[in-house]
N, C-alpha and C. Protein backbone atom coordinates (compact mmCIF):
# COMPACT_ATOMS: atom_id res chain seq x y z
N MET A 1 9.71 2.92 -1.53
CA MET A 1 9.10 4.23 -1.65
C MET A 1 9.88 5.19 -0.76
N LYS A 2 10.29 6.26 -1.35
CA LYS A 2 11.07 7.24 -0.61
C LYS A 2 10.14 8.18 0.14
N PRO A 3 10.54 8.58 1.37
CA PRO A 3 9.74 9.56 2.10
C PRO A 3 9.56 10.83 1.27
N GLY A 4 8.34 11.31 1.20
CA GLY A 4 8.06 12.53 0.45
C GLY A 4 7.90 12.33 -1.04
N SER A 5 8.03 11.08 -1.51
CA SER A 5 7.92 10.84 -2.95
C SER A 5 6.46 10.93 -3.39
N PRO A 6 6.24 11.28 -4.65
CA PRO A 6 4.87 11.32 -5.16
C PRO A 6 4.18 9.95 -5.06
N LEU A 7 4.95 8.88 -5.24
CA LEU A 7 4.38 7.54 -5.14
C LEU A 7 3.84 7.29 -3.73
N LEU A 8 4.63 7.59 -2.72
CA LEU A 8 4.19 7.41 -1.35
C LEU A 8 2.97 8.28 -1.07
N GLN A 9 2.97 9.50 -1.55
CA GLN A 9 1.84 10.40 -1.31
C GLN A 9 0.56 9.86 -1.96
N THR A 10 0.67 9.32 -3.16
CA THR A 10 -0.50 8.78 -3.85
C THR A 10 -1.07 7.58 -3.12
N VAL A 11 -0.21 6.66 -2.69
CA VAL A 11 -0.66 5.49 -1.93
C VAL A 11 -1.28 5.95 -0.61
N ALA A 12 -0.64 6.89 0.06
CA ALA A 12 -1.17 7.40 1.33
C ALA A 12 -2.53 8.06 1.14
N ASP A 13 -2.69 8.83 0.07
CA ASP A 13 -3.98 9.46 -0.19
C ASP A 13 -5.09 8.42 -0.32
N GLU A 14 -4.79 7.30 -0.97
CA GLU A 14 -5.79 6.24 -1.13
C GLU A 14 -6.13 5.57 0.20
N LEU A 15 -5.12 5.33 1.02
CA LEU A 15 -5.32 4.56 2.26
C LEU A 15 -5.72 5.42 3.46
N ASN A 16 -5.55 6.72 3.38
CA ASN A 16 -5.92 7.59 4.50
C ASN A 16 -7.42 7.85 4.57
N ILE A 17 -8.14 7.46 3.56
CA ILE A 17 -9.59 7.72 3.51
C ILE A 17 -10.29 6.88 4.57
N ASP A 18 -11.01 7.56 5.45
CA ASP A 18 -11.74 6.88 6.52
C ASP A 18 -13.25 6.85 6.30
N HIS A 19 -13.75 7.66 5.39
CA HIS A 19 -15.19 7.82 5.26
C HIS A 19 -15.86 6.88 4.26
N VAL A 20 -15.11 5.96 3.68
CA VAL A 20 -15.70 5.00 2.75
C VAL A 20 -15.81 3.67 3.50
N PRO A 21 -17.04 3.29 3.89
CA PRO A 21 -17.21 2.13 4.77
C PRO A 21 -16.72 0.80 4.19
N TRP A 22 -16.78 0.61 2.88
CA TRP A 22 -16.40 -0.67 2.29
C TRP A 22 -14.89 -0.78 2.04
N ALA A 23 -14.19 0.33 2.08
CA ALA A 23 -12.76 0.32 1.74
C ALA A 23 -11.91 0.11 2.98
N LYS A 24 -11.03 -0.85 2.90
CA LYS A 24 -10.08 -1.07 3.99
C LYS A 24 -9.03 0.03 3.87
N ASN A 25 -8.54 0.49 5.02
CA ASN A 25 -7.65 1.65 5.01
C ASN A 25 -6.33 1.35 5.71
N TRP A 26 -5.67 2.40 6.14
CA TRP A 26 -4.34 2.30 6.75
C TRP A 26 -4.35 1.44 8.00
N ARG A 27 -5.45 1.41 8.75
CA ARG A 27 -5.52 0.59 9.96
C ARG A 27 -5.41 -0.90 9.60
N HIS A 28 -6.11 -1.30 8.56
CA HIS A 28 -6.06 -2.69 8.11
C HIS A 28 -4.67 -3.03 7.58
N LEU A 29 -4.07 -2.09 6.87
CA LEU A 29 -2.71 -2.29 6.38
C LEU A 29 -1.75 -2.50 7.56
N ALA A 30 -1.87 -1.66 8.57
CA ALA A 30 -1.00 -1.78 9.75
C ALA A 30 -1.18 -3.15 10.42
N TYR A 31 -2.41 -3.58 10.52
CA TYR A 31 -2.68 -4.89 11.13
C TYR A 31 -1.98 -6.00 10.34
N HIS A 32 -2.10 -5.97 9.01
CA HIS A 32 -1.52 -7.03 8.19
C HIS A 32 0.00 -6.91 8.05
N LEU A 33 0.54 -5.75 8.38
CA LEU A 33 1.99 -5.61 8.44
C LEU A 33 2.52 -5.93 9.84
N GLU A 34 1.61 -6.41 10.69
CA GLU A 34 1.92 -6.87 12.05
C GLU A 34 2.48 -5.75 12.94
N ILE A 35 1.96 -4.56 12.74
CA ILE A 35 2.31 -3.45 13.62
C ILE A 35 1.40 -3.57 14.84
N PRO A 36 1.95 -3.54 16.05
CA PRO A 36 1.12 -3.69 17.24
C PRO A 36 0.01 -2.63 17.28
N SER A 37 -1.17 -3.06 17.72
CA SER A 37 -2.33 -2.15 17.70
C SER A 37 -2.10 -0.90 18.53
N ASP A 38 -1.39 -1.02 19.65
CA ASP A 38 -1.15 0.17 20.45
C ASP A 38 -0.28 1.18 19.71
N VAL A 39 0.56 0.70 18.80
CA VAL A 39 1.41 1.60 18.01
C VAL A 39 0.58 2.30 16.96
N TYR A 40 -0.20 1.53 16.17
CA TYR A 40 -0.93 2.20 15.10
C TYR A 40 -2.10 3.02 15.61
N GLN A 41 -2.56 2.76 16.82
CA GLN A 41 -3.59 3.62 17.39
C GLN A 41 -3.05 5.01 17.71
N GLU A 42 -1.74 5.10 17.93
CA GLU A 42 -1.11 6.41 18.13
C GLU A 42 -1.21 7.29 16.90
N PHE A 43 -1.30 6.66 15.72
CA PHE A 43 -1.39 7.40 14.47
C PHE A 43 -2.82 7.82 14.16
N ASP A 44 -3.77 7.37 14.96
CA ASP A 44 -5.18 7.63 14.71
C ASP A 44 -5.58 8.91 15.43
N GLY A 45 -5.64 9.97 14.68
CA GLY A 45 -6.06 11.26 15.24
C GLY A 45 -6.82 12.03 14.20
N SER A 46 -7.29 13.18 14.57
CA SER A 46 -8.00 13.99 13.59
C SER A 46 -7.03 14.41 12.49
N SER A 47 -7.58 14.77 11.34
CA SER A 47 -6.71 15.16 10.23
C SER A 47 -5.89 16.40 10.58
N ALA A 48 -6.38 17.21 11.51
CA ALA A 48 -5.61 18.38 11.95
C ALA A 48 -4.37 17.93 12.72
N GLN A 49 -4.48 16.80 13.44
CA GLN A 49 -3.35 16.29 14.22
C GLN A 49 -2.42 15.43 13.38
N ARG A 50 -2.98 14.65 12.47
CA ARG A 50 -2.21 13.69 11.68
C ARG A 50 -2.33 14.03 10.21
N GLU A 51 -1.21 14.32 9.60
CA GLU A 51 -1.22 14.63 8.18
C GLU A 51 -1.45 13.38 7.34
N SER A 52 -0.76 12.29 7.68
CA SER A 52 -0.88 11.06 6.90
C SER A 52 -0.53 9.85 7.75
N PRO A 53 -1.55 9.18 8.31
CA PRO A 53 -1.27 7.99 9.10
C PRO A 53 -0.58 6.89 8.29
N THR A 54 -0.92 6.78 7.01
CA THR A 54 -0.27 5.77 6.16
C THR A 54 1.23 6.03 6.09
N ARG A 55 1.60 7.25 5.82
CA ARG A 55 3.02 7.60 5.74
C ARG A 55 3.71 7.33 7.07
N GLU A 56 3.06 7.69 8.17
CA GLU A 56 3.66 7.46 9.49
C GLU A 56 3.86 5.97 9.76
N ILE A 57 2.89 5.16 9.36
CA ILE A 57 3.01 3.72 9.55
C ILE A 57 4.17 3.16 8.74
N LEU A 58 4.27 3.56 7.49
CA LEU A 58 5.35 3.04 6.65
C LEU A 58 6.71 3.52 7.14
N GLN A 59 6.79 4.75 7.60
CA GLN A 59 8.06 5.24 8.15
C GLN A 59 8.41 4.51 9.43
N TRP A 60 7.44 4.27 10.29
CA TRP A 60 7.66 3.52 11.53
C TRP A 60 8.19 2.13 11.18
N LEU A 61 7.57 1.52 10.19
CA LEU A 61 7.93 0.17 9.79
C LEU A 61 9.37 0.11 9.26
N VAL A 62 9.75 1.06 8.44
CA VAL A 62 11.10 1.08 7.88
C VAL A 62 12.16 1.24 8.97
N VAL A 63 11.87 2.09 9.95
CA VAL A 63 12.83 2.31 11.04
C VAL A 63 12.97 1.06 11.91
N ARG A 64 11.86 0.41 12.21
CA ARG A 64 11.89 -0.72 13.14
C ARG A 64 12.05 -2.08 12.48
N THR A 65 11.85 -2.12 11.17
CA THR A 65 11.99 -3.38 10.43
C THR A 65 12.81 -3.10 9.18
N PRO A 66 14.12 -2.90 9.34
CA PRO A 66 14.94 -2.49 8.20
C PRO A 66 15.00 -3.52 7.07
N ASP A 67 14.64 -4.77 7.34
CA ASP A 67 14.69 -5.78 6.28
C ASP A 67 13.38 -5.88 5.48
N ILE A 68 12.42 -5.02 5.76
CA ILE A 68 11.16 -5.04 5.02
C ILE A 68 11.40 -4.58 3.58
N VAL A 69 10.70 -5.19 2.67
CA VAL A 69 10.81 -4.82 1.26
C VAL A 69 9.44 -4.44 0.73
N LEU A 70 9.42 -3.80 -0.41
CA LEU A 70 8.18 -3.32 -0.99
C LEU A 70 7.18 -4.44 -1.25
N SER A 71 7.68 -5.61 -1.60
CA SER A 71 6.76 -6.73 -1.84
C SER A 71 6.01 -7.12 -0.56
N ASP A 72 6.58 -6.87 0.62
CA ASP A 72 5.86 -7.12 1.87
C ASP A 72 4.64 -6.20 1.99
N VAL A 73 4.81 -4.96 1.57
CA VAL A 73 3.69 -4.01 1.59
C VAL A 73 2.64 -4.44 0.57
N VAL A 74 3.09 -4.89 -0.59
CA VAL A 74 2.16 -5.36 -1.62
C VAL A 74 1.37 -6.56 -1.11
N LYS A 75 2.02 -7.48 -0.41
CA LYS A 75 1.33 -8.64 0.16
C LYS A 75 0.24 -8.20 1.12
N ALA A 76 0.57 -7.25 1.98
CA ALA A 76 -0.41 -6.75 2.96
C ALA A 76 -1.57 -6.05 2.24
N LEU A 77 -1.26 -5.29 1.21
CA LEU A 77 -2.31 -4.64 0.43
C LEU A 77 -3.21 -5.66 -0.25
N ASP A 78 -2.62 -6.75 -0.71
CA ASP A 78 -3.40 -7.82 -1.33
C ASP A 78 -4.34 -8.45 -0.31
N LYS A 79 -3.87 -8.63 0.91
CA LYS A 79 -4.70 -9.23 1.96
C LYS A 79 -5.92 -8.37 2.27
N ILE A 80 -5.79 -7.07 2.12
CA ILE A 80 -6.93 -6.19 2.40
C ILE A 80 -7.66 -5.80 1.10
N LYS A 81 -7.29 -6.47 0.02
CA LYS A 81 -7.96 -6.27 -1.28
C LYS A 81 -7.91 -4.83 -1.77
N ARG A 82 -6.75 -4.17 -1.59
CA ARG A 82 -6.58 -2.81 -2.08
C ARG A 82 -5.76 -2.84 -3.36
N ASN A 83 -6.40 -3.39 -4.40
CA ASN A 83 -5.73 -3.50 -5.69
C ASN A 83 -5.41 -2.13 -6.28
N ASP A 84 -6.20 -1.11 -5.91
CA ASP A 84 -5.90 0.24 -6.40
C ASP A 84 -4.53 0.69 -5.93
N ALA A 85 -4.22 0.45 -4.67
CA ALA A 85 -2.91 0.83 -4.13
C ALA A 85 -1.80 -0.05 -4.71
N ILE A 86 -2.11 -1.33 -4.93
CA ILE A 86 -1.12 -2.22 -5.54
C ILE A 86 -0.79 -1.73 -6.95
N GLN A 87 -1.80 -1.32 -7.69
CA GLN A 87 -1.56 -0.84 -9.05
C GLN A 87 -0.70 0.43 -9.05
N ILE A 88 -0.90 1.28 -8.08
CA ILE A 88 -0.08 2.49 -7.98
C ILE A 88 1.39 2.11 -7.80
N ILE A 89 1.63 1.16 -6.90
CA ILE A 89 3.01 0.72 -6.64
C ILE A 89 3.59 0.01 -7.84
N THR A 90 2.82 -0.92 -8.42
CA THR A 90 3.37 -1.71 -9.51
C THR A 90 3.53 -0.90 -10.80
N SER A 91 2.82 0.22 -10.91
CA SER A 91 3.04 1.06 -12.08
C SER A 91 4.45 1.65 -12.07
N GLU A 92 4.98 1.84 -10.88
CA GLU A 92 6.34 2.38 -10.73
C GLU A 92 7.38 1.27 -10.60
N PHE A 93 6.99 0.18 -9.93
CA PHE A 93 7.91 -0.94 -9.66
C PHE A 93 7.27 -2.24 -10.11
N SER A 94 7.17 -2.44 -11.40
CA SER A 94 6.47 -3.61 -11.93
C SER A 94 7.12 -4.93 -11.51
N ASP A 95 8.40 -4.92 -11.23
CA ASP A 95 9.07 -6.15 -10.79
C ASP A 95 8.59 -6.60 -9.43
N THR A 96 7.95 -5.72 -8.67
CA THR A 96 7.43 -6.08 -7.34
C THR A 96 6.36 -7.16 -7.46
N VAL A 97 5.52 -7.08 -8.48
CA VAL A 97 4.47 -8.08 -8.68
C VAL A 97 5.10 -9.42 -8.99
N GLY A 98 6.13 -9.44 -9.82
CA GLY A 98 6.80 -10.67 -10.17
C GLY A 98 7.45 -11.35 -8.98
N GLU A 99 7.92 -10.56 -8.03
CA GLU A 99 8.57 -11.11 -6.84
C GLU A 99 7.57 -11.76 -5.90
N TYR A 100 6.33 -11.30 -5.95
CA TYR A 100 5.32 -11.82 -5.02
C TYR A 100 4.32 -12.65 -5.78
N SER A 101 4.48 -13.95 -5.75
CA SER A 101 3.61 -14.82 -6.53
C SER A 101 2.30 -15.11 -5.80
N GLY A 102 2.11 -14.59 -4.60
CA GLY A 102 0.90 -14.87 -3.85
C GLY A 102 -0.26 -13.96 -4.16
N LEU A 103 -0.11 -13.06 -5.13
CA LEU A 103 -1.20 -12.15 -5.45
C LEU A 103 -2.39 -12.92 -6.00
N ASP A 104 -3.55 -12.42 -5.70
CA ASP A 104 -4.80 -12.96 -6.19
C ASP A 104 -4.73 -13.10 -7.71
N GLU A 105 -5.13 -14.25 -8.24
CA GLU A 105 -5.02 -14.49 -9.68
C GLU A 105 -5.85 -13.51 -10.49
N ALA A 106 -7.00 -13.11 -9.96
CA ALA A 106 -7.83 -12.13 -10.68
C ALA A 106 -7.08 -10.82 -10.81
N TYR A 107 -6.35 -10.44 -9.75
CA TYR A 107 -5.57 -9.20 -9.83
C TYR A 107 -4.45 -9.34 -10.85
N LEU A 108 -3.75 -10.46 -10.82
CA LEU A 108 -2.65 -10.66 -11.76
C LEU A 108 -3.16 -10.58 -13.20
N ASN A 109 -4.32 -11.19 -13.46
CA ASN A 109 -4.89 -11.13 -14.80
C ASN A 109 -5.22 -9.70 -15.19
N SER A 110 -5.80 -8.94 -14.27
CA SER A 110 -6.13 -7.55 -14.58
C SER A 110 -4.86 -6.73 -14.78
N PHE A 111 -3.82 -7.03 -14.01
CA PHE A 111 -2.55 -6.32 -14.17
C PHE A 111 -1.94 -6.63 -15.53
N GLU A 112 -1.98 -7.91 -15.93
CA GLU A 112 -1.43 -8.29 -17.23
C GLU A 112 -2.19 -7.60 -18.36
N LYS A 113 -3.52 -7.54 -18.25
CA LYS A 113 -4.33 -6.89 -19.28
C LYS A 113 -3.99 -5.41 -19.36
N GLN A 114 -3.85 -4.78 -18.18
CA GLN A 114 -3.52 -3.36 -18.15
C GLN A 114 -2.14 -3.12 -18.75
N THR A 115 -1.18 -3.98 -18.41
CA THR A 115 0.17 -3.84 -18.93
C THR A 115 0.18 -4.01 -20.45
N CYS A 116 -0.54 -5.00 -20.96
CA CYS A 116 -0.60 -5.23 -22.41
C CYS A 116 -1.25 -4.03 -23.10
N ALA A 117 -2.32 -3.51 -22.54
CA ALA A 117 -2.99 -2.37 -23.14
C ALA A 117 -2.08 -1.15 -23.15
N THR A 118 -1.34 -0.95 -22.07
CA THR A 118 -0.41 0.18 -21.99
C THR A 118 0.71 0.01 -23.00
N GLN A 119 1.26 -1.20 -23.13
CA GLN A 119 2.36 -1.44 -24.04
C GLN A 119 1.91 -1.29 -25.49
N SER A 120 0.67 -1.67 -25.78
CA SER A 120 0.21 -1.58 -27.16
C SER A 120 0.00 -0.12 -27.59
N LYS A 121 -0.11 0.79 -26.63
CA LYS A 121 -0.28 2.20 -26.95
C LYS A 121 1.02 2.83 -27.41
N PHE A 122 2.16 2.20 -27.13
CA PHE A 122 3.46 2.79 -27.46
C PHE A 122 4.08 2.16 -28.66
């Protein structure tokens, strides 16, 4: 995901939400990407102070972990059960799902159904 890309913005919009108690957010993603808690707590501020903690976390990760790949982010999203964010990524990079065989089987089945339905429309 390129900085400033619509894809990154869409994923960030989904994960920046703090007011939905059942939804895991950018903090959980940071934890599963093994970002030290003192680092990701720096990104935790009011919306006036922080435009997008998700974007900041991903940018921090790219700078400090240059060997990270998109499938690593997908794995972390799977661990926090954010299939909505996974679908956003895989709609643009469908090969990412194929690279990561550890995805929840229920998600893979739903992805396959969605892909088949989309393909049958064309």
